[in-house]
Amino acid sequence: MNPMKLRLPPIAALLGRLVRREDRLLVASLSAATALLALVSLLLGPGGFGLPAASASLILLEIRLPRTLLCILIGASLGLAGAALQGYLRNPLAEPGIIGASSGAGLGAVLAIHTGLTQTLALALPVGGMLGALAATALVVLLAGERGGPLTLILAGVAVSSVATALLSLVLSLAQNPFAAVEIVFWVLGSLADRSLVHVALAGPFMVAGIALLAGLGRSLDALSLGEEAAENLGVDLARLRLQAVIGAALAVGSATAIAGTIGFVGLVVPHLLRPFVGEEPSRLLTVSLLGGATLLLAADIAVRLLTPAGELRLGVLTALIGTPLFLWLIVKARRELTT
């Protein structure tokens, strides 16, 4: 399958086609919540709400706007990638890191810190992360093989993620510079502090491209939910579907991780929270998960800035603290439904 044959569908056309009439109220509510939280994010700074009279445009454009834009893009990427991979793998426990992009991005970024490239090149960290995500995803696809199914892809992703995580730990243990070790730890914990419009321009196109690829999977994923044989009878090219899902998730998640570090649970929890409102059809879950991911990450980033204005609490830590009890609640809810 030639990757060049994958075309990016127009986002506006996709949204108009994928949002069903019964989902419009939910989509409108999530869109309004995202817009409101984005406004709060733009107005929130170390001195509280609002913009100071002096240097207002500089503060808004150079500090708050990049952080807000990255929150929306990264949250949308993680939420959509989680929903798409859960639909493709037909596994509700699937999350964006399962294809190795997150761990590969983490290893690439950590190597950039360890080798000192971040001291000489300002963009070495995100570039290293994206190269690591690309290498990890390519290795997963190679290991899974051209005819490998979802199970083979999961096994390959777990293997690559485990190796990348082990290598990341090795690099951290071998770091002789204590400042580099601290920087590695802080980056792994995930944060959007000190990001600029340059980071948006660097990673934004990759996240948008990944979102566009994943947003076009709806009908194929609906057919796949009936089984591979039924999907093929309905005209779905399974090899093309796998390639589009993997490349889309790698672009979206890899570039997001390269910019923000490890931000867990968003791609896993958001589809579960929204599935009761839209049902089990993957196509209905994609758009709402995109908006839900953006809403959740904006809310988490605002909470980080309110709870610790000095930046001691990292964004990835807070999303894990939020996601873990939510996921446990979903498990308890599922067990109750099985017993009733």
C-alpha atoms as a PDB file:
ATOM      1  CA  MET A   1       0.000   0.000   0.000  1.00  0.00           C
ATOM      2  CA  ASN A   2       1.467   3.336  -1.062  1.00  0.00           C
ATOM      3  CA  PRO A   3       1.193   5.957   1.728  1.00  0.00           C
ATOM      4  CA  MET A   4       1.168   8.690  -0.902  1.00  0.00           C
ATOM      5  CA  LYS A   5      -2.284   7.535  -1.991  1.00  0.00           C
ATOM      6  CA  LEU A   6      -3.756   8.619   1.318  1.00  0.00           C
ATOM      7  CA  ARG A   7      -5.519  11.925   0.770  1.00  0.00           C
ATOM      8  CA  LEU A   8      -6.435  14.333   3.517  1.00  0.00           C
ATOM      9  CA  PRO A   9     -10.207  15.031   3.385  1.00  0.00           C
ATOM     10  CA  PRO A  10     -11.347  18.608   4.014  1.00  0.00           C
ATOM     11  CA  ILE A  11     -12.033  19.127   7.725  1.00  0.00           C
ATOM     12  CA  ALA A  12     -15.185  21.190   7.156  1.00  0.00           C
ATOM     13  CA  ALA A  13     -16.688  18.576   4.841  1.00  0.00           C
ATOM     14  CA  LEU A  14     -15.845  15.831   7.318  1.00  0.00           C
ATOM     15  CA  LEU A  15     -17.486  17.622  10.224  1.00  0.00           C
ATOM     16  CA  GLY A  16     -20.624  18.302   8.204  1.00  0.00           C
ATOM     17  CA  ARG A  17     -20.850  14.672   7.112  1.00  0.00           C
ATOM     18  CA  LEU A  18     -19.912  12.988  10.385  1.00  0.00           C
ATOM     19  CA  VAL A  19     -22.004  14.988  12.849  1.00  0.00           C
ATOM     20  CA  ARG A  20     -25.430  13.387  12.891  1.00  0.00           C
ATOM     21  CA  ARG A  21     -28.564  15.246  13.786  1.00  0.00           C
ATOM     22  CA  GLU A  22     -28.905  13.437  17.118  1.00  0.00           C
ATOM     23  CA  ASP A  23     -25.343  14.398  18.060  1.00  0.00           C
ATOM     24  CA  ARG A  24     -25.557  18.092  17.199  1.00  0.00           C
ATOM     25  CA  LEU A  25     -26.569  19.193  20.700  1.00  0.00           C
ATOM     26  CA  LEU A  26     -23.624  17.318  22.228  1.00  0.00           C
ATOM     27  CA  VAL A  27     -21.225  18.693  19.605  1.00  0.00           C
ATOM     28  CA  ALA A  28     -22.545  22.213  20.155  1.00  0.00           C
ATOM     29  CA  SER A  29     -22.164  21.856  23.939  1.00  0.00           C
ATOM     30  CA  LEU A  30     -18.601  20.577  23.666  1.00  0.00           C
ATOM     31  CA  SER A  31     -17.726  23.305  21.153  1.00  0.00           C
ATOM     32  CA  ALA A  32     -19.105  25.956  23.494  1.00  0.00           C
ATOM     33  CA  ALA A  33     -17.201  24.477  26.432  1.00  0.00           C
ATOM     34  CA  THR A  34     -13.984  24.439  24.399  1.00  0.00           C
ATOM     35  CA  ALA A  35     -14.479  28.069  23.319  1.00  0.00           C
ATOM     36  CA  LEU A  36     -15.245  29.194  26.878  1.00  0.00           C
ATOM     37  CA  LEU A  37     -12.245  27.394  28.348  1.00  0.00           C
ATOM     38  CA  ALA A  38     -10.009  28.760  25.583  1.00  0.00           C
ATOM     39  CA  LEU A  39     -11.115  32.288  26.529  1.00  0.00           C
ATOM     40  CA  VAL A  40     -10.379  31.592  30.203  1.00  0.00           C
ATOM     41  CA  SER A  41      -6.969  30.212  29.228  1.00  0.00           C
ATOM     42  CA  LEU A  42      -6.168  33.382  27.265  1.00  0.00           C
ATOM     43  CA  LEU A  43      -7.147  35.574  30.216  1.00  0.00           C
ATOM     44  CA  LEU A  44      -5.382  33.529  32.894  1.00  0.00           C
ATOM     45  CA  GLY A  45      -1.846  34.422  33.936  1.00  0.00           C
ATOM     46  CA  PRO A  46       0.433  34.618  36.985  1.00  0.00           C
ATOM     47  CA  GLY A  47      -1.301  37.781  38.131  1.00  0.00           C
ATOM     48  CA  GLY A  48      -4.789  36.325  37.897  1.00  0.00           C
ATOM     49  CA  PHE A  49      -7.448  36.927  35.244  1.00  0.00           C
ATOM     50  CA  GLY A  50      -7.305  39.604  32.603  1.00  0.00           C
ATOM     51  CA  LEU A  51      -4.509  41.257  30.681  1.00  0.00           C
ATOM     52  CA  PRO A  52      -2.250  43.966  32.107  1.00  0.00           C
ATOM     53  CA  ALA A  53      -2.394  47.317  30.364  1.00  0.00           C
ATOM     54  CA  ALA A  54       1.322  47.274  29.552  1.00  0.00           C
ATOM     55  CA  SER A  55       2.646  44.740  27.051  1.00  0.00           C
ATOM     56  CA  ALA A  56      -0.797  43.158  26.752  1.00  0.00           C
ATOM     57  CA  SER A  57      -0.370  42.112  23.138  1.00  0.00           C
ATOM     58  CA  LEU A  58       3.084  40.652  23.821  1.00  0.00           C
ATOM     59  CA  ILE A  59       1.835  38.575  26.752  1.00  0.00           C
ATOM     60  CA  LEU A  60      -1.192  37.398  24.807  1.00  0.00           C
ATOM     61  CA  LEU A  61       0.615  36.480  21.586  1.00  0.00           C
ATOM     62  CA  GLU A  62       3.872  35.113  22.960  1.00  0.00           C
ATOM     63  CA  ILE A  63       2.787  33.323  26.148  1.00  0.00           C
ATOM     64  CA  ARG A  64      -0.933  32.651  26.466  1.00  0.00           C
ATOM     65  CA  LEU A  65      -2.024  32.137  22.851  1.00  0.00           C
ATOM     66  CA  PRO A  66       0.548  29.394  22.050  1.00  0.00           C
ATOM     67  CA  ARG A  67      -0.354  27.525  25.227  1.00  0.00           C
ATOM     68  CA  THR A  68      -4.060  27.720  24.462  1.00  0.00           C
ATOM     69  CA  LEU A  69      -3.645  26.640  20.835  1.00  0.00           C
ATOM     70  CA  LEU A  70      -1.442  23.720  21.837  1.00  0.00           C
ATOM     71  CA  CYS A  71      -3.963  22.650  24.477  1.00  0.00           C
ATOM     72  CA  ILE A  72      -6.700  22.513  21.848  1.00  0.00           C
ATOM     73  CA  LEU A  73      -4.582  20.733  19.231  1.00  0.00           C
ATOM     74  CA  ILE A  74      -3.001  18.216  21.611  1.00  0.00           C
ATOM     75  CA  GLY A  75      -6.240  17.450  23.448  1.00  0.00           C
ATOM     76  CA  ALA A  76      -8.092  17.007  20.157  1.00  0.00           C
ATOM     77  CA  SER A  77      -5.304  14.782  18.801  1.00  0.00           C
ATOM     78  CA  LEU A  78      -5.251  12.525  21.857  1.00  0.00           C
ATOM     79  CA  GLY A  79      -9.035  12.264  22.158  1.00  0.00           C
ATOM     80  CA  LEU A  80      -9.567  11.501  18.475  1.00  0.00           C
ATOM     81  CA  ALA A  81      -6.638   9.075  18.284  1.00  0.00           C
ATOM     82  CA  GLY A  82      -7.973   7.169  21.286  1.00  0.00           C
ATOM     83  CA  ALA A  83     -11.448   6.841  19.769  1.00  0.00           C
ATOM     84  CA  ALA A  84     -10.083   5.840  16.349  1.00  0.00           C
ATOM     85  CA  LEU A  85      -7.712   3.197  17.726  1.00  0.00           C
ATOM     86  CA  GLN A  86     -10.389   1.764  20.006  1.00  0.00           C
ATOM     87  CA  GLY A  87     -12.615   1.450  16.956  1.00  0.00           C
ATOM     88  CA  TYR A  88      -9.956  -0.038  14.688  1.00  0.00           C
ATOM     89  CA  LEU A  89      -8.548  -2.467  17.254  1.00  0.00           C
ATOM     90  CA  ARG A  90     -12.059  -3.201  18.583  1.00  0.00           C
ATOM     91  CA  ASN A  91     -10.615  -2.920  22.056  1.00  0.00           C
ATOM     92  CA  PRO A  92     -12.035  -0.402  24.575  1.00  0.00           C
ATOM     93  CA  LEU A  93      -8.715  -0.429  26.457  1.00  0.00           C
ATOM     94  CA  ALA A  94      -6.726   0.786  23.449  1.00  0.00           C
ATOM     95  CA  GLU A  95      -5.087   4.181  23.876  1.00  0.00           C
ATOM     96  CA  PRO A  96      -2.908   6.373  21.649  1.00  0.00           C
ATOM     97  CA  GLY A  97       0.384   5.062  23.002  1.00  0.00           C
ATOM     98  CA  ILE A  98      -0.387   1.509  21.928  1.00  0.00           C
ATOM     99  CA  ILE A  99       1.245   1.956  18.508  1.00  0.00           C
ATOM    100  CA  GLY A 100       4.540   3.106  20.027  1.00  0.00           C
ATOM    101  CA  ALA A 101       4.385   6.746  18.911  1.00  0.00           C
ATOM    102  CA  SER A 102       4.294   8.192  22.443  1.00  0.00           C
ATOM    103  CA  SER A 103       7.188   6.139  23.776  1.00  0.00           C
ATOM    104  CA  GLY A 104       9.195   6.726  20.596  1.00  0.00           C
ATOM    105  CA  ALA A 105       8.639  10.471  20.863  1.00  0.00           C
ATOM    106  CA  GLY A 106       9.687  10.344  24.500  1.00  0.00           C
ATOM    107  CA  LEU A 107      12.898   8.494  23.693  1.00  0.00           C
ATOM    108  CA  GLY A 108      13.765  10.866  20.848  1.00  0.00           C
ATOM    109  CA  ALA A 109      13.227  13.932  23.023  1.00  0.00           C
ATOM    110  CA  VAL A 110      15.190  12.467  25.939  1.00  0.00           C
ATOM    111  CA  LEU A 111      18.109  11.653  23.633  1.00  0.00           C
ATOM    112  CA  ALA A 112      18.093  15.254  22.431  1.00  0.00           C
ATOM    113  CA  ILE A 113      18.378  16.420  26.053  1.00  0.00           C
ATOM    114  CA  HIS A 114      21.001  13.812  26.972  1.00  0.00           C
ATOM    115  CA  THR A 115      23.275  14.607  24.040  1.00  0.00           C
ATOM    116  CA  GLY A 116      23.129  18.330  24.716  1.00  0.00           C
ATOM    117  CA  LEU A 117      21.442  19.229  21.434  1.00  0.00           C
ATOM    118  CA  THR A 118      18.796  21.213  23.289  1.00  0.00           C
ATOM    119  CA  GLN A 119      21.522  23.560  24.518  1.00  0.00           C
ATOM    120  CA  THR A 120      22.627  24.458  20.997  1.00  0.00           C
ATOM    121  CA  LEU A 121      19.402  24.107  18.992  1.00  0.00           C
ATOM    122  CA  ALA A 122      16.199  25.606  20.377  1.00  0.00           C
ATOM    123  CA  LEU A 123      13.956  23.180  18.467  1.00  0.00           C
ATOM    124  CA  ALA A 124      16.032  20.048  19.073  1.00  0.00           C
ATOM    125  CA  LEU A 125      13.559  18.775  21.680  1.00  0.00           C
ATOM    126  CA  PRO A 126      10.377  18.719  19.549  1.00  0.00           C
ATOM    127  CA  VAL A 127      12.258  17.679  16.406  1.00  0.00           C
ATOM    128  CA  GLY A 128      13.904  14.803  18.274  1.00  0.00           C
ATOM    129  CA  GLY A 129      10.526  13.772  19.641  1.00  0.00           C
ATOM    130  CA  MET A 130       8.889  13.717  16.216  1.00  0.00           C
ATOM    131  CA  LEU A 131      11.773  11.763  14.690  1.00  0.00           C
ATOM    132  CA  GLY A 132      11.516   9.257  17.534  1.00  0.00           C
ATOM    133  CA  ALA A 133       7.770   8.874  17.000  1.00  0.00           C
ATOM    134  CA  LEU A 134       8.308   8.340  13.263  1.00  0.00           C
ATOM    135  CA  ALA A 135      10.988   5.704  13.842  1.00  0.00           C
ATOM    136  CA  ALA A 136       8.901   3.836  16.449  1.00  0.00           C
ATOM    137  CA  THR A 137       5.799   3.795  14.258  1.00  0.00           C
ATOM    138  CA  ALA A 138       7.761   2.603  11.228  1.00  0.00           C
ATOM    139  CA  LEU A 139       9.205  -0.214  13.333  1.00  0.00           C
ATOM    140  CA  VAL A 140       5.728  -1.211  14.563  1.00  0.00           C
ATOM    141  CA  VAL A 141       4.392  -1.350  10.996  1.00  0.00           C
ATOM    142  CA  LEU A 142       7.436  -3.360   9.901  1.00  0.00           C
ATOM    143  CA  LEU A 143       7.057  -5.863  12.743  1.00  0.00           C
ATOM    144  CA  ALA A 144       3.305  -6.221  12.223  1.00  0.00           C
ATOM    145  CA  GLY A 145       3.812  -7.012   8.528  1.00  0.00           C
ATOM    146  CA  GLU A 146       1.689  -6.107   5.564  1.00  0.00           C
ATOM    147  CA  ARG A 147      -0.982  -8.699   6.368  1.00  0.00           C
ATOM    148  CA  GLY A 148      -0.907  -8.322  10.136  1.00  0.00           C
ATOM    149  CA  GLY A 149      -4.249  -7.755  11.827  1.00  0.00           C
ATOM    150  CA  PRO A 150      -5.176  -5.705  14.907  1.00  0.00           C
ATOM    151  CA  LEU A 151      -3.767  -8.281  17.346  1.00  0.00           C
ATOM    152  CA  THR A 152      -0.401  -8.341  15.571  1.00  0.00           C
ATOM    153  CA  LEU A 153      -0.336  -4.556  15.566  1.00  0.00           C
ATOM    154  CA  ILE A 154      -1.038  -4.456  19.314  1.00  0.00           C
ATOM    155  CA  LEU A 155       1.735  -6.953  20.053  1.00  0.00           C
ATOM    156  CA  ALA A 156       4.202  -5.042  17.878  1.00  0.00           C
ATOM    157  CA  GLY A 157       3.214  -1.760  19.533  1.00  0.00           C
ATOM    158  CA  VAL A 158       3.618  -3.192  23.031  1.00  0.00           C
ATOM    159  CA  ALA A 159       7.043  -4.598  22.136  1.00  0.00           C
ATOM    160  CA  VAL A 160       8.316  -1.320  20.640  1.00  0.00           C
ATOM    161  CA  SER A 161       6.865   0.725  23.519  1.00  0.00           C
ATOM    162  CA  SER A 162       8.535  -1.541  26.081  1.00  0.00           C
ATOM    163  CA  VAL A 163      11.921  -1.258  24.383  1.00  0.00           C
ATOM    164  CA  ALA A 164      11.620   2.522  24.022  1.00  0.00           C
ATOM    165  CA  THR A 165      10.610   2.898  27.683  1.00  0.00           C
ATOM    166  CA  ALA A 166      13.527   0.728  28.785  1.00  0.00           C
ATOM    167  CA  LEU A 167      15.961   2.776  26.691  1.00  0.00           C
ATOM    168  CA  LEU A 168      14.510   5.998  28.099  1.00  0.00           C
ATOM    169  CA  SER A 169      15.103   4.693  31.631  1.00  0.00           C
ATOM    170  CA  LEU A 170      18.639   3.695  30.646  1.00  0.00           C
ATOM    171  CA  VAL A 171      19.389   7.170  29.305  1.00  0.00           C
ATOM    172  CA  LEU A 172      18.032   8.717  32.494  1.00  0.00           C
ATOM    173  CA  SER A 173      20.147   6.424  34.688  1.00  0.00           C
ATOM    174  CA  LEU A 174      23.285   7.228  32.675  1.00  0.00           C
ATOM    175  CA  ALA A 175      22.760  10.994  32.758  1.00  0.00           C
ATOM    176  CA  GLN A 176      25.804  12.422  34.511  1.00  0.00           C
ATOM    177  CA  ASN A 177      24.617  16.007  34.363  1.00  0.00           C
ATOM    178  CA  PRO A 178      22.085  16.495  37.184  1.00  0.00           C
ATOM    179  CA  PHE A 179      20.494  19.428  35.371  1.00  0.00           C
ATOM    180  CA  ALA A 180      19.924  17.259  32.294  1.00  0.00           C
ATOM    181  CA  ALA A 181      18.390  14.538  34.491  1.00  0.00           C
ATOM    182  CA  VAL A 182      16.001  17.032  36.060  1.00  0.00           C
ATOM    183  CA  GLU A 183      15.069  18.387  32.626  1.00  0.00           C
ATOM    184  CA  ILE A 184      14.374  14.858  31.391  1.00  0.00           C
ATOM    185  CA  VAL A 185      12.151  14.078  34.377  1.00  0.00           C
ATOM    186  CA  PHE A 186      10.226  17.340  34.039  1.00  0.00           C
ATOM    187  CA  TRP A 187       9.733  16.786  30.298  1.00  0.00           C
ATOM    188  CA  VAL A 188       8.507  13.212  30.794  1.00  0.00           C
ATOM    189  CA  LEU A 189       5.909  14.443  33.302  1.00  0.00           C
ATOM    190  CA  GLY A 190       4.322  16.605  30.593  1.00  0.00           C
ATOM    191  CA  SER A 191       3.820  20.358  30.438  1.00  0.00           C
ATOM    192  CA  LEU A 192       2.863  23.207  28.104  1.00  0.00           C
ATOM    193  CA  ALA A 193       4.754  25.918  29.949  1.00  0.00           C
ATOM    194  CA  ASP A 194       7.216  28.072  27.985  1.00  0.00           C
ATOM    195  CA  ARG A 195       5.892  27.004  24.588  1.00  0.00           C
ATOM    196  CA  SER A 196       5.818  29.565  21.788  1.00  0.00           C
ATOM    197  CA  LEU A 197       4.188  30.092  18.419  1.00  0.00           C
ATOM    198  CA  VAL A 198       7.265  28.452  16.906  1.00  0.00           C
ATOM    199  CA  HIS A 199       6.249  25.194  18.587  1.00  0.00           C
ATOM    200  CA  VAL A 200       2.722  25.636  17.244  1.00  0.00           C
ATOM    201  CA  ALA A 201       4.046  26.187  13.723  1.00  0.00           C
ATOM    202  CA  LEU A 202       6.366  23.183  14.006  1.00  0.00           C
ATOM    203  CA  ALA A 203       3.967  20.564  15.369  1.00  0.00           C
ATOM    204  CA  GLY A 204       0.598  22.021  14.391  1.00  0.00           C
ATOM    205  CA  PRO A 205       0.639  20.906  10.722  1.00  0.00           C
ATOM    206  CA  PHE A 206       1.499  17.330  11.730  1.00  0.00           C
ATOM    207  CA  MET A 207      -1.312  17.209  14.282  1.00  0.00           C
ATOM    208  CA  VAL A 208      -3.799  18.672  11.795  1.00  0.00           C
ATOM    209  CA  ALA A 209      -2.730  16.133   9.164  1.00  0.00           C
ATOM    210  CA  GLY A 210      -3.149  13.293  11.660  1.00  0.00           C
ATOM    211  CA  ILE A 211      -6.549  14.589  12.747  1.00  0.00           C
ATOM    212  CA  ALA A 212      -7.697  14.798   9.115  1.00  0.00           C
ATOM    213  CA  LEU A 213      -6.645  11.200   8.429  1.00  0.00           C
ATOM    214  CA  LEU A 214      -8.317   9.859  11.570  1.00  0.00           C
ATOM    215  CA  ALA A 215     -11.507  11.876  11.058  1.00  0.00           C
ATOM    216  CA  GLY A 216     -12.063  10.139   7.718  1.00  0.00           C
ATOM    217  CA  LEU A 217     -12.161   6.637   9.223  1.00  0.00           C
ATOM    218  CA  GLY A 218     -15.739   6.708  10.500  1.00  0.00           C
ATOM    219  CA  ARG A 219     -17.593   4.671   7.888  1.00  0.00           C
ATOM    220  CA  SER A 220     -14.795   2.112   7.574  1.00  0.00           C
ATOM    221  CA  LEU A 221     -14.681   1.653  11.352  1.00  0.00           C
ATOM    222  CA  ASP A 222     -18.453   1.183  11.446  1.00  0.00           C
ATOM    223  CA  ALA A 223     -18.111  -1.574   8.860  1.00  0.00           C
ATOM    224  CA  LEU A 224     -15.170  -3.120  10.717  1.00  0.00           C
ATOM    225  CA  SER A 225     -17.243  -3.354  13.904  1.00  0.00           C
ATOM    226  CA  LEU A 226     -19.248  -6.057  12.091  1.00  0.00           C
ATOM    227  CA  GLY A 227     -16.096  -8.133  11.571  1.00  0.00           C
ATOM    228  CA  GLU A 228     -13.258  -8.147   9.045  1.00  0.00           C
ATOM    229  CA  GLU A 229     -15.059 -10.392   6.579  1.00  0.00           C
ATOM    230  CA  ALA A 230     -18.189  -8.245   6.663  1.00  0.00           C
ATOM    231  CA  ALA A 231     -16.086  -5.095   6.261  1.00  0.00           C
ATOM    232  CA  GLU A 232     -14.372  -6.518   3.177  1.00  0.00           C
ATOM    233  CA  ASN A 233     -17.745  -7.469   1.706  1.00  0.00           C
ATOM    234  CA  LEU A 234     -18.820  -3.859   2.220  1.00  0.00           C
ATOM    235  CA  GLY A 235     -15.859  -2.652   0.195  1.00  0.00           C
ATOM    236  CA  VAL A 236     -13.442  -1.698   2.985  1.00  0.00           C
ATOM    237  CA  ASP A 237      -9.759  -2.053   2.095  1.00  0.00           C
ATOM    238  CA  LEU A 238      -8.398  -3.401   5.402  1.00  0.00           C
ATOM    239  CA  ALA A 239      -4.754  -2.755   4.517  1.00  0.00           C
ATOM    240  CA  ARG A 240      -5.517   0.845   3.617  1.00  0.00           C
ATOM    241  CA  LEU A 241      -7.618   1.249   6.762  1.00  0.00           C
ATOM    242  CA  ARG A 242      -4.786   0.023   8.979  1.00  0.00           C
ATOM    243  CA  LEU A 243      -2.247   2.257   7.256  1.00  0.00           C
ATOM    244  CA  GLN A 244      -4.488   5.308   7.560  1.00  0.00           C
ATOM    245  CA  ALA A 245      -5.221   4.613  11.238  1.00  0.00           C
ATOM    246  CA  VAL A 246      -1.567   4.033  12.143  1.00  0.00           C
ATOM    247  CA  ILE A 247      -0.187   6.981  10.177  1.00  0.00           C
ATOM    248  CA  GLY A 248      -2.924   9.309  11.427  1.00  0.00           C
ATOM    249  CA  ALA A 249      -2.401   8.307  15.066  1.00  0.00           C
ATOM    250  CA  ALA A 250       1.386   8.512  14.712  1.00  0.00           C
ATOM    251  CA  LEU A 251       1.250  12.024  13.251  1.00  0.00           C
ATOM    252  CA  ALA A 252      -1.234  13.298  15.820  1.00  0.00           C
ATOM    253  CA  VAL A 253       0.100  11.590  18.944  1.00  0.00           C
ATOM    254  CA  GLY A 254       3.795  11.676  18.053  1.00  0.00           C
ATOM    255  CA  SER A 255       3.858  15.418  17.391  1.00  0.00           C
ATOM    256  CA  ALA A 256       1.705  16.091  20.474  1.00  0.00           C
ATOM    257  CA  THR A 257       4.075  14.099  22.702  1.00  0.00           C
ATOM    258  CA  ALA A 258       7.107  15.724  21.112  1.00  0.00           C
ATOM    259  CA  ILE A 259       5.818  19.161  22.114  1.00  0.00           C
ATOM    260  CA  ALA A 260       4.189  18.516  25.493  1.00  0.00           C
ATOM    261  CA  GLY A 261       5.807  15.361  26.862  1.00  0.00           C
ATOM    262  CA  THR A 262       3.787  12.455  28.197  1.00  0.00           C
ATOM    263  CA  ILE A 263       0.132  13.344  28.835  1.00  0.00           C
ATOM    264  CA  GLY A 264      -1.696  10.188  29.733  1.00  0.00           C
ATOM    265  CA  PHE A 265      -5.294   9.033  30.074  1.00  0.00           C
ATOM    266  CA  VAL A 266      -6.837  11.669  27.775  1.00  0.00           C
ATOM    267  CA  GLY A 267      -7.076   9.343  24.786  1.00  0.00           C
ATOM    268  CA  LEU A 268      -8.221   6.461  26.962  1.00  0.00           C
ATOM    269  CA  VAL A 269     -10.822   8.139  29.163  1.00  0.00           C
ATOM    270  CA  VAL A 270     -12.455  10.665  26.816  1.00  0.00           C
ATOM    271  CA  PRO A 271     -14.016   8.066  24.442  1.00  0.00           C
ATOM    272  CA  HIS A 272     -15.346   6.128  27.443  1.00  0.00           C
ATOM    273  CA  LEU A 273     -16.929   9.231  28.953  1.00  0.00           C
ATOM    274  CA  LEU A 274     -18.666  10.167  25.688  1.00  0.00           C
ATOM    275  CA  ARG A 275     -19.666   6.708  24.451  1.00  0.00           C
ATOM    276  CA  PRO A 276     -22.877   6.593  26.589  1.00  0.00           C
ATOM    277  CA  PHE A 277     -24.098   9.725  24.749  1.00  0.00           C
ATOM    278  CA  VAL A 278     -23.445   8.495  21.197  1.00  0.00           C
ATOM    279  CA  GLY A 279     -23.655   4.715  21.382  1.00  0.00           C
ATOM    280  CA  GLU A 280     -21.223   2.115  20.101  1.00  0.00           C
ATOM    281  CA  GLU A 281     -20.859   3.350  16.507  1.00  0.00           C
ATOM    282  CA  PRO A 282     -17.233   4.480  16.042  1.00  0.00           C
ATOM    283  CA  SER A 283     -18.167   7.127  13.465  1.00  0.00           C
ATOM    284  CA  ARG A 284     -20.330   8.982  15.987  1.00  0.00           C
ATOM    285  CA  LEU A 285     -17.589   8.859  18.613  1.00  0.00           C
ATOM    286  CA  LEU A 286     -14.806  10.418  16.525  1.00  0.00           C
ATOM    287  CA  THR A 287     -15.964  14.038  16.350  1.00  0.00           C
ATOM    288  CA  VAL A 288     -17.169  14.241  19.953  1.00  0.00           C
ATOM    289  CA  SER A 289     -13.911  12.679  21.210  1.00  0.00           C
ATOM    290  CA  LEU A 290     -11.948  15.309  19.299  1.00  0.00           C
ATOM    291  CA  LEU A 291     -13.879  18.084  21.033  1.00  0.00           C
ATOM    292  CA  GLY A 292     -13.935  16.244  24.364  1.00  0.00           C
ATOM    293  CA  GLY A 293     -10.168  15.846  24.357  1.00  0.00           C
ATOM    294  CA  ALA A 294      -9.667  19.552  23.704  1.00  0.00           C
ATOM    295  CA  THR A 295     -12.132  20.445  26.469  1.00  0.00           C
ATOM    296  CA  LEU A 296     -10.524  18.109  29.009  1.00  0.00           C
ATOM    297  CA  LEU A 297      -6.963  19.249  28.355  1.00  0.00           C
ATOM    298  CA  LEU A 298      -7.913  22.936  28.465  1.00  0.00           C
ATOM    299  CA  ALA A 299      -9.643  22.366  31.797  1.00  0.00           C
ATOM    300  CA  ALA A 300      -6.646  20.451  33.161  1.00  0.00           C
ATOM    301  CA  ASP A 301      -4.169  23.119  32.052  1.00  0.00           C
ATOM    302  CA  ILE A 302      -6.284  25.865  33.624  1.00  0.00           C
ATOM    303  CA  ALA A 303      -6.416  23.838  36.847  1.00  0.00           C
ATOM    304  CA  VAL A 304      -2.620  23.457  36.812  1.00  0.00           C
ATOM    305  CA  ARG A 305      -2.159  27.221  36.549  1.00  0.00           C
ATOM    306  CA  LEU A 306      -4.723  27.922  39.277  1.00  0.00           C
ATOM    307  CA  LEU A 307      -3.442  25.303  41.733  1.00  0.00           C
ATOM    308  CA  THR A 308       0.273  26.027  41.310  1.00  0.00           C
ATOM    309  CA  PRO A 309       0.955  29.395  39.660  1.00  0.00           C
ATOM    310  CA  ALA A 310       4.709  28.779  39.935  1.00  0.00           C
ATOM    311  CA  GLY A 311       4.393  25.661  37.766  1.00  0.00           C
ATOM    312  CA  GLU A 312       5.323  22.973  40.306  1.00  0.00           C
ATOM    313  CA  LEU A 313       2.448  20.686  39.249  1.00  0.00           C
ATOM    314  CA  ARG A 314       2.950  19.190  35.798  1.00  0.00           C
ATOM    315  CA  LEU A 315       0.101  18.787  33.331  1.00  0.00           C
ATOM    316  CA  GLY A 316       0.753  15.069  32.756  1.00  0.00           C
ATOM    317  CA  VAL A 317       0.571  14.418  36.492  1.00  0.00           C
ATOM    318  CA  LEU A 318      -2.800  16.145  36.780  1.00  0.00           C
ATOM    319  CA  THR A 319      -4.315  14.299  33.801  1.00  0.00           C
ATOM    320  CA  ALA A 320      -3.213  11.026  35.403  1.00  0.00           C
ATOM    321  CA  LEU A 321      -4.746  12.072  38.724  1.00  0.00           C
ATOM    322  CA  ILE A 322      -7.985  12.944  36.930  1.00  0.00           C
ATOM    323  CA  GLY A 323      -7.990   9.966  34.595  1.00  0.00           C
ATOM    324  CA  THR A 324      -7.286   7.206  37.105  1.00  0.00           C
ATOM    325  CA  PRO A 325     -10.387   7.674  39.315  1.00  0.00           C
ATOM    326  CA  LEU A 326     -12.547   8.256  36.220  1.00  0.00           C
ATOM    327  CA  PHE A 327     -11.326   5.023  34.728  1.00  0.00           C
ATOM    328  CA  LEU A 328     -11.894   3.152  37.991  1.00  0.00           C
ATOM    329  CA  TRP A 329     -15.427   4.565  38.070  1.00  0.00           C
ATOM    330  CA  LEU A 330     -16.019   3.298  34.541  1.00  0.00           C
ATOM    331  CA  ILE A 331     -14.822  -0.165  35.586  1.00  0.00           C
ATOM    332  CA  VAL A 332     -17.196  -0.212  38.563  1.00  0.00           C
ATOM    333  CA  LYS A 333     -20.046   0.995  36.340  1.00  0.00           C
ATOM    334  CA  ALA A 334     -19.357  -1.734  33.783  1.00  0.00           C
ATOM    335  CA  ARG A 335     -19.337  -4.416  36.503  1.00  0.00           C
ATOM    336  CA  ARG A 336     -22.687  -3.181  37.837  1.00  0.00           C
ATOM    337  CA  GLU A 337     -24.186  -3.317  34.349  1.00  0.00           C
ATOM    338  CA  LEU A 338     -22.993  -6.920  33.961  1.00  0.00           C
ATOM    339  CA  THR A 339     -24.585  -7.984  37.236  1.00  0.00           C
ATOM    340  CA  THR A 340     -27.970  -6.329  36.558  1.00  0.00           C
END
